[in-house]
Amino acid sequence: MTPLFQFQGIYTPVVTPYHQDGSVNWEALADVIEFLIEKGVHGMITGGSTGENYAQTVPERLELARFTKDRIAGRVPLVVGTGAMLTADSTSLASAANDMGADAILLASPPYAVPTDRENALNALAIDKAADLPVMLYNYPHRTGTMMGEEFLDRVGRSRNFCGIKESSGDINRVHLLARDYPHIQLGCGMDDQALEFFAWGAPFWVCGGSNFLPEEHVALYEACVIEGNFNKGRRIMSALMPLMRVLEQGGKFIQTIKHGVTMNGIPAGAMRPPLKGLNKDDKRALEQVTRVLKTTIATIRAEG
């Protein structure tokens, strides 16, 4: 069965730049969006955890989504995140995504509630009904406490809208399961240090926070593996990216690190909303060094043709 929507390439979960008082820096957000399009990302996600959705009200999230939609102006697809504790909030976000003409929604399990597969599927189907748009599922049990199991996938798979999944469990067996038994739901990488393995198993897209500030380098891995089918080149690029993955994933400073990376590019991403705090000098120095080396290495690999 051909998916209703083709998720292809690098999808960036866009950060939310803030002023020091916690208000949105709209000018910086516009600059981030233009930078990402210029550097070749294939789609954007607003209202994800990388955008600090957990620290935003539903009206704020909708304002950010509408601004992003208007700024993109159809140049790349926009996916609107609907993740929330309350089903009513998720359905409000989903309905608004349809109203604003979004291309798809991102749908996660509700955190903390720990629903059964049946309950989680019924919740997802209610959100799907409110949106009536293509759906990218988001399986991240370490954040939500809930795995999107086989019963869940079987139930939601009856709707053609469920046509992609960002798989962030970290369990490589899930990659095998999804690729083999659920080919009608496009497999997407949501675990950055496994990107090469996802591409080897046929994943056509990668949702990667690091592409907020290193879009060309993430696009390079996608192109090598998916477009060129050159996994020797892909392994070299992945090897160059691995130190970045360690910096991003270790120490619980994922968003802080990405926002500092954006600031390094000359776009003031600003502070995080509480409870998060910024990086210390050692963390910043480590990111700057890793970024400098990987950019040089990947540029050399790409120049070899």
C-alpha atoms as a PDB file:
ATOM      1  CA  MET A   1       0.000   0.000   0.000  1.00  0.00           C
ATOM      2  CA  THR A   2       1.438   3.359  -1.046  1.00  0.00           C
ATOM      3  CA  PRO A   3       1.658   5.780   1.905  1.00  0.00           C
ATOM      4  CA  LEU A   4      -0.679   8.760   1.809  1.00  0.00           C
ATOM      5  CA  PHE A   5       2.319  11.053   2.329  1.00  0.00           C
ATOM      6  CA  GLN A   6       5.988  10.423   1.608  1.00  0.00           C
ATOM      7  CA  PHE A   7       8.307  11.493   4.422  1.00  0.00           C
ATOM      8  CA  GLN A   8      11.669  11.878   2.713  1.00  0.00           C
ATOM      9  CA  GLY A   9      14.965  13.326   3.901  1.00  0.00           C
ATOM     10  CA  ILE A  10      16.008  15.392   6.892  1.00  0.00           C
ATOM     11  CA  TYR A  11      13.208  16.744   9.081  1.00  0.00           C
ATOM     12  CA  THR A  12      14.364  19.347  11.582  1.00  0.00           C
ATOM     13  CA  PRO A  13      12.469  19.697  14.887  1.00  0.00           C
ATOM     14  CA  VAL A  14      12.896  23.464  15.070  1.00  0.00           C
ATOM     15  CA  VAL A  15      14.161  25.130  18.251  1.00  0.00           C
ATOM     16  CA  THR A  16      12.280  28.051  19.818  1.00  0.00           C
ATOM     17  CA  PRO A  17      14.580  31.046  20.306  1.00  0.00           C
ATOM     18  CA  TYR A  18      13.767  33.098  23.391  1.00  0.00           C
ATOM     19  CA  HIS A  19      14.703  36.507  24.707  1.00  0.00           C
ATOM     20  CA  GLN A  20      16.119  36.577  28.232  1.00  0.00           C
ATOM     21  CA  ASP A  21      12.657  37.309  29.636  1.00  0.00           C
ATOM     22  CA  GLY A  22      11.319  34.072  28.130  1.00  0.00           C
ATOM     23  CA  SER A  23       9.356  35.669  25.297  1.00  0.00           C
ATOM     24  CA  VAL A  24       9.760  34.272  21.774  1.00  0.00           C
ATOM     25  CA  ASN A  25      12.431  35.883  19.616  1.00  0.00           C
ATOM     26  CA  TRP A  26      10.458  35.907  16.383  1.00  0.00           C
ATOM     27  CA  GLU A  27      13.242  37.465  14.328  1.00  0.00           C
ATOM     28  CA  ALA A  28      15.669  34.735  15.367  1.00  0.00           C
ATOM     29  CA  LEU A  29      13.073  32.039  14.625  1.00  0.00           C
ATOM     30  CA  ALA A  30      12.621  33.464  11.130  1.00  0.00           C
ATOM     31  CA  ASP A  31      16.402  33.367  10.682  1.00  0.00           C
ATOM     32  CA  VAL A  32      16.539  29.705  11.790  1.00  0.00           C
ATOM     33  CA  ILE A  33      13.817  28.766   9.297  1.00  0.00           C
ATOM     34  CA  GLU A  34      15.547  30.576   6.423  1.00  0.00           C
ATOM     35  CA  PHE A  35      18.909  29.039   7.339  1.00  0.00           C
ATOM     36  CA  LEU A  36      17.452  25.517   7.325  1.00  0.00           C
ATOM     37  CA  ILE A  37      15.783  25.963   3.950  1.00  0.00           C
ATOM     38  CA  GLU A  38      18.935  27.497   2.461  1.00  0.00           C
ATOM     39  CA  LYS A  39      21.021  24.562   3.697  1.00  0.00           C
ATOM     40  CA  GLY A  40      18.741  21.934   2.206  1.00  0.00           C
ATOM     41  CA  VAL A  41      16.643  20.300   4.912  1.00  0.00           C
ATOM     42  CA  HIS A  42      13.607  18.530   3.515  1.00  0.00           C
ATOM     43  CA  GLY A  43      10.975  19.358   6.143  1.00  0.00           C
ATOM     44  CA  MET A  44      10.417  20.984   9.527  1.00  0.00           C
ATOM     45  CA  ILE A  45       8.593  20.053  12.708  1.00  0.00           C
ATOM     46  CA  THR A  46       7.155  22.636  15.056  1.00  0.00           C
ATOM     47  CA  GLY A  47       5.908  21.914  18.557  1.00  0.00           C
ATOM     48  CA  GLY A  48       8.268  19.043  19.310  1.00  0.00           C
ATOM     49  CA  SER A  49      10.244  18.521  22.498  1.00  0.00           C
ATOM     50  CA  THR A  50      13.324  20.080  20.854  1.00  0.00           C
ATOM     51  CA  GLY A  51      11.182  23.200  20.472  1.00  0.00           C
ATOM     52  CA  GLU A  52      10.439  23.052  24.234  1.00  0.00           C
ATOM     53  CA  ASN A  53       6.738  22.274  23.754  1.00  0.00           C
ATOM     54  CA  TYR A  54       6.485  21.081  27.374  1.00  0.00           C
ATOM     55  CA  ALA A  55       7.147  24.664  28.535  1.00  0.00           C
ATOM     56  CA  GLN A  56       4.553  26.253  26.244  1.00  0.00           C
ATOM     57  CA  THR A  57       0.791  26.721  26.393  1.00  0.00           C
ATOM     58  CA  VAL A  58      -1.430  25.441  23.595  1.00  0.00           C
ATOM     59  CA  PRO A  59      -2.039  29.009  22.294  1.00  0.00           C
ATOM     60  CA  GLU A  60       1.734  29.616  22.249  1.00  0.00           C
ATOM     61  CA  ARG A  61       2.331  26.401  20.329  1.00  0.00           C
ATOM     62  CA  LEU A  62      -0.299  27.354  17.783  1.00  0.00           C
ATOM     63  CA  GLU A  63       1.175  30.821  17.354  1.00  0.00           C
ATOM     64  CA  LEU A  64       4.599  29.271  16.738  1.00  0.00           C
ATOM     65  CA  ALA A  65       3.137  26.771  14.267  1.00  0.00           C
ATOM     66  CA  ARG A  66       1.300  29.458  12.294  1.00  0.00           C
ATOM     67  CA  PHE A  67       4.370  31.687  12.192  1.00  0.00           C
ATOM     68  CA  THR A  68       6.502  28.772  10.955  1.00  0.00           C
ATOM     69  CA  LYS A  69       3.897  27.802   8.350  1.00  0.00           C
ATOM     70  CA  ASP A  70       3.729  31.367   7.020  1.00  0.00           C
ATOM     71  CA  ARG A  71       7.512  31.732   6.969  1.00  0.00           C
ATOM     72  CA  ILE A  72       8.094  28.421   5.165  1.00  0.00           C
ATOM     73  CA  ALA A  73       5.498  29.482   2.572  1.00  0.00           C
ATOM     74  CA  GLY A  74       5.245  26.020   1.045  1.00  0.00           C
ATOM     75  CA  ARG A  75       8.943  25.611   0.327  1.00  0.00           C
ATOM     76  CA  VAL A  76       9.219  22.457   2.478  1.00  0.00           C
ATOM     77  CA  PRO A  77       6.596  20.384   4.332  1.00  0.00           C
ATOM     78  CA  LEU A  78       5.563  21.406   7.845  1.00  0.00           C
ATOM     79  CA  VAL A  79       4.696  18.832  10.517  1.00  0.00           C
ATOM     80  CA  VAL A  80       2.861  20.144  13.594  1.00  0.00           C
ATOM     81  CA  GLY A  81       3.516  18.421  16.915  1.00  0.00           C
ATOM     82  CA  THR A  82       0.417  17.401  18.889  1.00  0.00           C
ATOM     83  CA  GLY A  83       2.056  15.754  21.901  1.00  0.00           C
ATOM     84  CA  ALA A  84       0.387  16.686  25.214  1.00  0.00           C
ATOM     85  CA  MET A  85      -0.756  15.159  28.485  1.00  0.00           C
ATOM     86  CA  LEU A  86      -4.405  15.996  27.815  1.00  0.00           C
ATOM     87  CA  THR A  87      -6.150  14.414  24.841  1.00  0.00           C
ATOM     88  CA  ALA A  88      -8.222  17.591  24.535  1.00  0.00           C
ATOM     89  CA  ASP A  89      -5.036  19.626  24.065  1.00  0.00           C
ATOM     90  CA  SER A  90      -3.741  17.188  21.450  1.00  0.00           C
ATOM     91  CA  THR A  91      -6.991  17.241  19.497  1.00  0.00           C
ATOM     92  CA  SER A  92      -7.046  21.062  19.641  1.00  0.00           C
ATOM     93  CA  LEU A  93      -3.534  21.159  18.208  1.00  0.00           C
ATOM     94  CA  ALA A  94      -4.458  18.561  15.585  1.00  0.00           C
ATOM     95  CA  SER A  95      -7.596  20.392  14.468  1.00  0.00           C
ATOM     96  CA  ALA A  96      -5.684  23.673  14.243  1.00  0.00           C
ATOM     97  CA  ALA A  97      -2.984  21.962  12.170  1.00  0.00           C
ATOM     98  CA  ASN A  98      -5.652  21.082   9.626  1.00  0.00           C
ATOM     99  CA  ASP A  99      -7.078  24.598   9.696  1.00  0.00           C
ATOM    100  CA  MET A 100      -3.699  26.217   9.041  1.00  0.00           C
ATOM    101  CA  GLY A 101      -2.907  23.872   6.147  1.00  0.00           C
ATOM    102  CA  ALA A 102      -0.077  21.905   7.744  1.00  0.00           C
ATOM    103  CA  ASP A 103       1.223  18.954   5.744  1.00  0.00           C
ATOM    104  CA  ALA A 104       1.169  16.422   8.599  1.00  0.00           C
ATOM    105  CA  ILE A 105       1.109  16.034  12.378  1.00  0.00           C
ATOM    106  CA  LEU A 106       3.542  14.448  14.817  1.00  0.00           C
ATOM    107  CA  LEU A 107       1.711  12.181  17.254  1.00  0.00           C
ATOM    108  CA  ALA A 108       3.295  10.867  20.460  1.00  0.00           C
ATOM    109  CA  SER A 109       1.934   8.811  23.342  1.00  0.00           C
ATOM    110  CA  PRO A 110       0.584  10.961  26.196  1.00  0.00           C
ATOM    111  CA  PRO A 111       3.281  11.183  28.879  1.00  0.00           C
ATOM    112  CA  TYR A 112       2.878   9.890  32.429  1.00  0.00           C
ATOM    113  CA  ALA A 113      -0.529   8.215  31.893  1.00  0.00           C
ATOM    114  CA  VAL A 114       1.051   4.924  30.668  1.00  0.00           C
ATOM    115  CA  PRO A 115      -1.965   3.732  28.633  1.00  0.00           C
ATOM    116  CA  THR A 116      -2.327   0.182  27.328  1.00  0.00           C
ATOM    117  CA  ASP A 117      -1.783  -0.412  23.615  1.00  0.00           C
ATOM    118  CA  ARG A 118      -5.559  -0.389  23.093  1.00  0.00           C
ATOM    119  CA  GLU A 119      -6.030   2.837  25.068  1.00  0.00           C
ATOM    120  CA  ASN A 120      -3.084   4.469  23.339  1.00  0.00           C
ATOM    121  CA  ALA A 121      -4.412   3.479  19.906  1.00  0.00           C
ATOM    122  CA  LEU A 122      -7.883   4.845  20.637  1.00  0.00           C
ATOM    123  CA  ASN A 123      -6.278   8.083  21.831  1.00  0.00           C
ATOM    124  CA  ALA A 124      -4.183   8.277  18.648  1.00  0.00           C
ATOM    125  CA  LEU A 125      -7.226   7.612  16.463  1.00  0.00           C
ATOM    126  CA  ALA A 126      -9.115  10.448  18.174  1.00  0.00           C
ATOM    127  CA  ILE A 127      -6.229  12.825  17.425  1.00  0.00           C
ATOM    128  CA  ASP A 128      -6.067  11.507  13.866  1.00  0.00           C
ATOM    129  CA  LYS A 129      -9.781  12.171  13.420  1.00  0.00           C
ATOM    130  CA  ALA A 130      -9.363  15.762  14.621  1.00  0.00           C
ATOM    131  CA  ALA A 131      -6.492  16.397  12.201  1.00  0.00           C
ATOM    132  CA  ASP A 132      -7.447  14.319   9.167  1.00  0.00           C
ATOM    133  CA  LEU A 133      -3.861  14.755   7.984  1.00  0.00           C
ATOM    134  CA  PRO A 134      -0.930  12.405   7.394  1.00  0.00           C
ATOM    135  CA  VAL A 135       0.508  11.259  10.724  1.00  0.00           C
ATOM    136  CA  MET A 136       4.112  10.759  11.765  1.00  0.00           C
ATOM    137  CA  LEU A 137       4.030   8.654  14.918  1.00  0.00           C
ATOM    138  CA  TYR A 138       6.654   9.340  17.579  1.00  0.00           C
ATOM    139  CA  ASN A 139       7.680   6.362  19.689  1.00  0.00           C
ATOM    140  CA  TYR A 140       9.855   7.560  22.574  1.00  0.00           C
ATOM    141  CA  PRO A 141       9.158   5.329  25.583  1.00  0.00           C
ATOM    142  CA  HIS A 142      12.000   6.794  27.658  1.00  0.00           C
ATOM    143  CA  ARG A 143      10.120  10.124  27.666  1.00  0.00           C
ATOM    144  CA  THR A 144       6.494   8.948  27.630  1.00  0.00           C
ATOM    145  CA  GLY A 145       6.753   5.703  29.599  1.00  0.00           C
ATOM    146  CA  THR A 146       4.778   3.946  26.850  1.00  0.00           C
ATOM    147  CA  MET A 147       5.957   1.745  23.981  1.00  0.00           C
ATOM    148  CA  MET A 148       3.876   1.779  20.809  1.00  0.00           C
ATOM    149  CA  GLY A 149       3.563  -1.990  20.690  1.00  0.00           C
ATOM    150  CA  GLU A 150       2.302  -4.342  18.010  1.00  0.00           C
ATOM    151  CA  GLU A 151      -1.351  -4.134  19.102  1.00  0.00           C
ATOM    152  CA  PHE A 152      -1.107  -0.343  18.900  1.00  0.00           C
ATOM    153  CA  LEU A 153       0.484  -0.466  15.438  1.00  0.00           C
ATOM    154  CA  ASP A 154      -2.095  -2.985  14.197  1.00  0.00           C
ATOM    155  CA  ARG A 155      -4.987  -0.806  15.367  1.00  0.00           C
ATOM    156  CA  VAL A 156      -3.753   2.553  14.064  1.00  0.00           C
ATOM    157  CA  GLY A 157      -2.522   0.951  10.848  1.00  0.00           C
ATOM    158  CA  ARG A 158      -6.138   0.580   9.758  1.00  0.00           C
ATOM    159  CA  SER A 159      -6.135   4.324   9.030  1.00  0.00           C
ATOM    160  CA  ARG A 160      -4.155   5.322   5.951  1.00  0.00           C
ATOM    161  CA  ASN A 161      -3.226   8.579   7.668  1.00  0.00           C
ATOM    162  CA  PHE A 162      -0.650   6.759   9.816  1.00  0.00           C
ATOM    163  CA  CYS A 163       2.124   6.697   7.259  1.00  0.00           C
ATOM    164  CA  GLY A 164       5.365   7.287   9.187  1.00  0.00           C
ATOM    165  CA  ILE A 165       6.999   6.650  12.539  1.00  0.00           C
ATOM    166  CA  LYS A 166       9.870   8.434  14.221  1.00  0.00           C
ATOM    167  CA  GLU A 167      11.343   5.531  16.184  1.00  0.00           C
ATOM    168  CA  SER A 168      13.278   6.713  19.240  1.00  0.00           C
ATOM    169  CA  SER A 169      13.233   3.658  21.488  1.00  0.00           C
ATOM    170  CA  GLY A 170      16.917   2.917  20.947  1.00  0.00           C
ATOM    171  CA  ASP A 171      16.063  -0.780  20.525  1.00  0.00           C
ATOM    172  CA  ILE A 172      17.503  -2.009  17.241  1.00  0.00           C
ATOM    173  CA  ASN A 173      15.032  -4.912  17.301  1.00  0.00           C
ATOM    174  CA  ARG A 174      12.268  -2.347  16.858  1.00  0.00           C
ATOM    175  CA  VAL A 175      13.940  -1.228  13.629  1.00  0.00           C
ATOM    176  CA  HIS A 176      13.848  -4.814  12.410  1.00  0.00           C
ATOM    177  CA  LEU A 177      10.198  -5.253  13.473  1.00  0.00           C
ATOM    178  CA  LEU A 178       8.993  -2.066  11.820  1.00  0.00           C
ATOM    179  CA  ALA A 179      10.927  -2.620   8.594  1.00  0.00           C
ATOM    180  CA  ARG A 180       9.804  -6.234   8.259  1.00  0.00           C
ATOM    181  CA  ASP A 181       6.240  -6.319   9.613  1.00  0.00           C
ATOM    182  CA  TYR A 182       4.967  -2.740   9.122  1.00  0.00           C
ATOM    183  CA  PRO A 183       6.290  -1.632   5.722  1.00  0.00           C
ATOM    184  CA  HIS A 184       3.158   0.479   5.151  1.00  0.00           C
ATOM    185  CA  ILE A 185       4.320   2.780   7.987  1.00  0.00           C
ATOM    186  CA  GLN A 186       7.465   4.520   6.743  1.00  0.00           C
ATOM    187  CA  LEU A 187      10.374   3.970   9.110  1.00  0.00           C
ATOM    188  CA  GLY A 188      12.091   7.123  10.318  1.00  0.00           C
ATOM    189  CA  CYS A 189      15.205   7.507  12.430  1.00  0.00           C
ATOM    190  CA  GLY A 190      14.615   9.132  15.797  1.00  0.00           C
ATOM    191  CA  MET A 191      17.735   7.817  17.497  1.00  0.00           C
ATOM    192  CA  ASP A 192      20.630   9.802  16.103  1.00  0.00           C
ATOM    193  CA  ASP A 193      23.465   7.397  16.881  1.00  0.00           C
ATOM    194  CA  GLN A 194      21.626   4.652  14.935  1.00  0.00           C
ATOM    195  CA  ALA A 195      21.006   6.677  11.780  1.00  0.00           C
ATOM    196  CA  LEU A 196      23.243   4.481   9.621  1.00  0.00           C
ATOM    197  CA  GLU A 197      21.427   1.341  10.787  1.00  0.00           C
ATOM    198  CA  PHE A 198      18.029   2.907  10.069  1.00  0.00           C
ATOM    199  CA  PHE A 199      19.107   3.828   6.549  1.00  0.00           C
ATOM    200  CA  ALA A 200      20.461   0.317   6.004  1.00  0.00           C
ATOM    201  CA  TRP A 201      16.992  -1.008   6.867  1.00  0.00           C
ATOM    202  CA  GLY A 202      15.344   1.279   4.338  1.00  0.00           C
ATOM    203  CA  ALA A 203      14.337   4.303   6.436  1.00  0.00           C
ATOM    204  CA  PRO A 204      13.632   7.210   4.077  1.00  0.00           C
ATOM    205  CA  PHE A 205      13.750   9.989   6.682  1.00  0.00           C
ATOM    206  CA  TRP A 206      15.584  11.168   9.790  1.00  0.00           C
ATOM    207  CA  VAL A 207      14.251  13.552  12.431  1.00  0.00           C
ATOM    208  CA  CYS A 208      17.391  15.020  13.974  1.00  0.00           C
ATOM    209  CA  GLY A 209      17.723  17.888  16.436  1.00  0.00           C
ATOM    210  CA  GLY A 210      21.351  18.491  15.500  1.00  0.00           C
ATOM    211  CA  SER A 211      20.281  19.562  12.021  1.00  0.00           C
ATOM    212  CA  ASN A 212      19.155  22.852  13.596  1.00  0.00           C
ATOM    213  CA  PHE A 213      22.797  23.962  13.422  1.00  0.00           C
ATOM    214  CA  LEU A 214      24.496  21.331  11.237  1.00  0.00           C
ATOM    215  CA  PRO A 215      21.945  20.761   8.463  1.00  0.00           C
ATOM    216  CA  GLU A 216      24.441  20.179   5.647  1.00  0.00           C
ATOM    217  CA  GLU A 217      26.272  17.459   7.576  1.00  0.00           C
ATOM    218  CA  HIS A 218      23.046  15.597   8.372  1.00  0.00           C
ATOM    219  CA  VAL A 219      21.865  15.956   4.770  1.00  0.00           C
ATOM    220  CA  ALA A 220      25.236  14.523   3.684  1.00  0.00           C
ATOM    221  CA  LEU A 221      24.581  11.250   5.537  1.00  0.00           C
ATOM    222  CA  TYR A 222      21.065  10.973   4.127  1.00  0.00           C
ATOM    223  CA  GLU A 223      22.276  11.604   0.587  1.00  0.00           C
ATOM    224  CA  ALA A 224      25.135   9.121   0.855  1.00  0.00           C
ATOM    225  CA  CYS A 225      22.950   6.308   2.191  1.00  0.00           C
ATOM    226  CA  VAL A 226      19.507   6.891   0.685  1.00  0.00           C
ATOM    227  CA  ILE A 227      20.143   8.783  -2.542  1.00  0.00           C
ATOM    228  CA  GLU A 228      23.511   7.328  -3.549  1.00  0.00           C
ATOM    229  CA  GLY A 229      23.286   3.965  -1.760  1.00  0.00           C
ATOM    230  CA  ASN A 230      26.962   4.423  -0.855  1.00  0.00           C
ATOM    231  CA  PHE A 231      27.265   2.947   2.611  1.00  0.00           C
ATOM    232  CA  ASN A 232      31.072   3.054   2.567  1.00  0.00           C
ATOM    233  CA  LYS A 233      30.784   6.827   2.301  1.00  0.00           C
ATOM    234  CA  GLY A 234      27.920   6.757   4.780  1.00  0.00           C
ATOM    235  CA  ARG A 235      30.014   4.953   7.388  1.00  0.00           C
ATOM    236  CA  ARG A 236      32.737   7.577   7.087  1.00  0.00           C
ATOM    237  CA  ILE A 237      30.248  10.407   7.536  1.00  0.00           C
ATOM    238  CA  MET A 238      28.568   8.621  10.444  1.00  0.00           C
ATOM    239  CA  SER A 239      31.939   8.080  12.074  1.00  0.00           C
ATOM    240  CA  ALA A 240      32.590  11.819  11.844  1.00  0.00           C
ATOM    241  CA  LEU A 241      29.161  12.551  13.378  1.00  0.00           C
ATOM    242  CA  MET A 242      29.484  10.135  16.300  1.00  0.00           C
ATOM    243  CA  PRO A 243      31.385  12.532  18.626  1.00  0.00           C
ATOM    244  CA  LEU A 244      28.511  14.995  18.161  1.00  0.00           C
ATOM    245  CA  MET A 245      26.006  12.290  19.113  1.00  0.00           C
ATOM    246  CA  ARG A 246      27.898  11.669  22.344  1.00  0.00           C
ATOM    247  CA  VAL A 247      27.950  15.372  23.192  1.00  0.00           C
ATOM    248  CA  LEU A 248      24.219  15.703  22.469  1.00  0.00           C
ATOM    249  CA  GLU A 249      23.000  12.592  24.248  1.00  0.00           C
ATOM    250  CA  GLN A 250      25.199  12.478  27.345  1.00  0.00           C
ATOM    251  CA  GLY A 251      24.642  14.625  30.394  1.00  0.00           C
ATOM    252  CA  GLY A 252      21.001  15.514  29.834  1.00  0.00           C
ATOM    253  CA  LYS A 253      21.737  18.726  27.950  1.00  0.00           C
ATOM    254  CA  PHE A 254      20.282  17.941  24.533  1.00  0.00           C
ATOM    255  CA  ILE A 255      18.244  21.111  23.964  1.00  0.00           C
ATOM    256  CA  GLN A 256      20.834  23.368  25.604  1.00  0.00           C
ATOM    257  CA  THR A 257      23.521  21.955  23.313  1.00  0.00           C
ATOM    258  CA  ILE A 258      21.457  22.381  20.160  1.00  0.00           C
ATOM    259  CA  LYS A 259      20.521  25.955  21.033  1.00  0.00           C
ATOM    260  CA  HIS A 260      24.156  26.814  21.675  1.00  0.00           C
ATOM    261  CA  GLY A 261      24.971  25.302  18.287  1.00  0.00           C
ATOM    262  CA  VAL A 262      22.413  27.591  16.659  1.00  0.00           C
ATOM    263  CA  THR A 263      23.936  30.559  18.502  1.00  0.00           C
ATOM    264  CA  MET A 264      27.390  29.507  17.256  1.00  0.00           C
ATOM    265  CA  ASN A 265      26.004  30.014  13.731  1.00  0.00           C
ATOM    266  CA  GLY A 266      25.217  33.625  14.530  1.00  0.00           C
ATOM    267  CA  ILE A 267      21.507  33.229  15.297  1.00  0.00           C
ATOM    268  CA  PRO A 268      20.754  34.033  18.959  1.00  0.00           C
ATOM    269  CA  ALA A 269      18.743  31.033  20.133  1.00  0.00           C
ATOM    270  CA  GLY A 270      18.737  32.470  23.646  1.00  0.00           C
ATOM    271  CA  ALA A 271      18.031  30.816  26.955  1.00  0.00           C
ATOM    272  CA  MET A 272      15.828  27.847  27.755  1.00  0.00           C
ATOM    273  CA  ARG A 273      12.615  28.144  29.707  1.00  0.00           C
ATOM    274  CA  PRO A 274      12.729  26.650  33.221  1.00  0.00           C
ATOM    275  CA  PRO A 275      13.618  24.179  34.472  1.00  0.00           C
ATOM    276  CA  LEU A 276      16.500  24.009  31.966  1.00  0.00           C
ATOM    277  CA  LYS A 277      19.645  26.098  32.269  1.00  0.00           C
ATOM    278  CA  GLY A 278      22.350  26.915  29.738  1.00  0.00           C
ATOM    279  CA  LEU A 279      25.662  25.169  29.117  1.00  0.00           C
ATOM    280  CA  ASN A 280      28.748  25.882  31.181  1.00  0.00           C
ATOM    281  CA  LYS A 281      32.042  26.944  29.601  1.00  0.00           C
ATOM    282  CA  ASP A 282      33.423  23.394  29.401  1.00  0.00           C
ATOM    283  CA  ASP A 283      30.285  22.119  27.645  1.00  0.00           C
ATOM    284  CA  LYS A 284      30.418  24.975  25.144  1.00  0.00           C
ATOM    285  CA  ARG A 285      34.102  24.371  24.458  1.00  0.00           C
ATOM    286  CA  ALA A 286      33.483  20.647  23.879  1.00  0.00           C
ATOM    287  CA  LEU A 287      30.681  21.351  21.382  1.00  0.00           C
ATOM    288  CA  GLU A 288      32.717  23.965  19.536  1.00  0.00           C
ATOM    289  CA  GLN A 289      35.666  21.587  19.167  1.00  0.00           C
ATOM    290  CA  VAL A 290      33.548  18.641  18.027  1.00  0.00           C
ATOM    291  CA  THR A 291      31.659  20.817  15.545  1.00  0.00           C
ATOM    292  CA  ARG A 292      34.829  22.250  14.049  1.00  0.00           C
ATOM    293  CA  VAL A 293      36.380  18.820  13.446  1.00  0.00           C
ATOM    294  CA  LEU A 294      33.280  17.140  12.024  1.00  0.00           C
ATOM    295  CA  LYS A 295      32.534  19.986   9.621  1.00  0.00           C
ATOM    296  CA  THR A 296      36.053  19.809   8.212  1.00  0.00           C
ATOM    297  CA  THR A 297      35.981  16.010   7.984  1.00  0.00           C
ATOM    298  CA  ILE A 298      32.578  15.782   6.284  1.00  0.00           C
ATOM    299  CA  ALA A 299      33.421  18.607   3.868  1.00  0.00           C
ATOM    300  CA  THR A 300      36.500  16.634   2.819  1.00  0.00           C
ATOM    301  CA  ILE A 301      34.452  13.447   2.308  1.00  0.00           C
ATOM    302  CA  ARG A 302      31.877  15.286   0.209  1.00  0.00           C
ATOM    303  CA  ALA A 303      34.584  16.969  -1.875  1.00  0.00           C
ATOM    304  CA  GLU A 304      35.959  13.566  -2.848  1.00  0.00           C
ATOM    305  CA  GLY A 305      32.799  13.114  -4.887  1.00  0.00           C
END
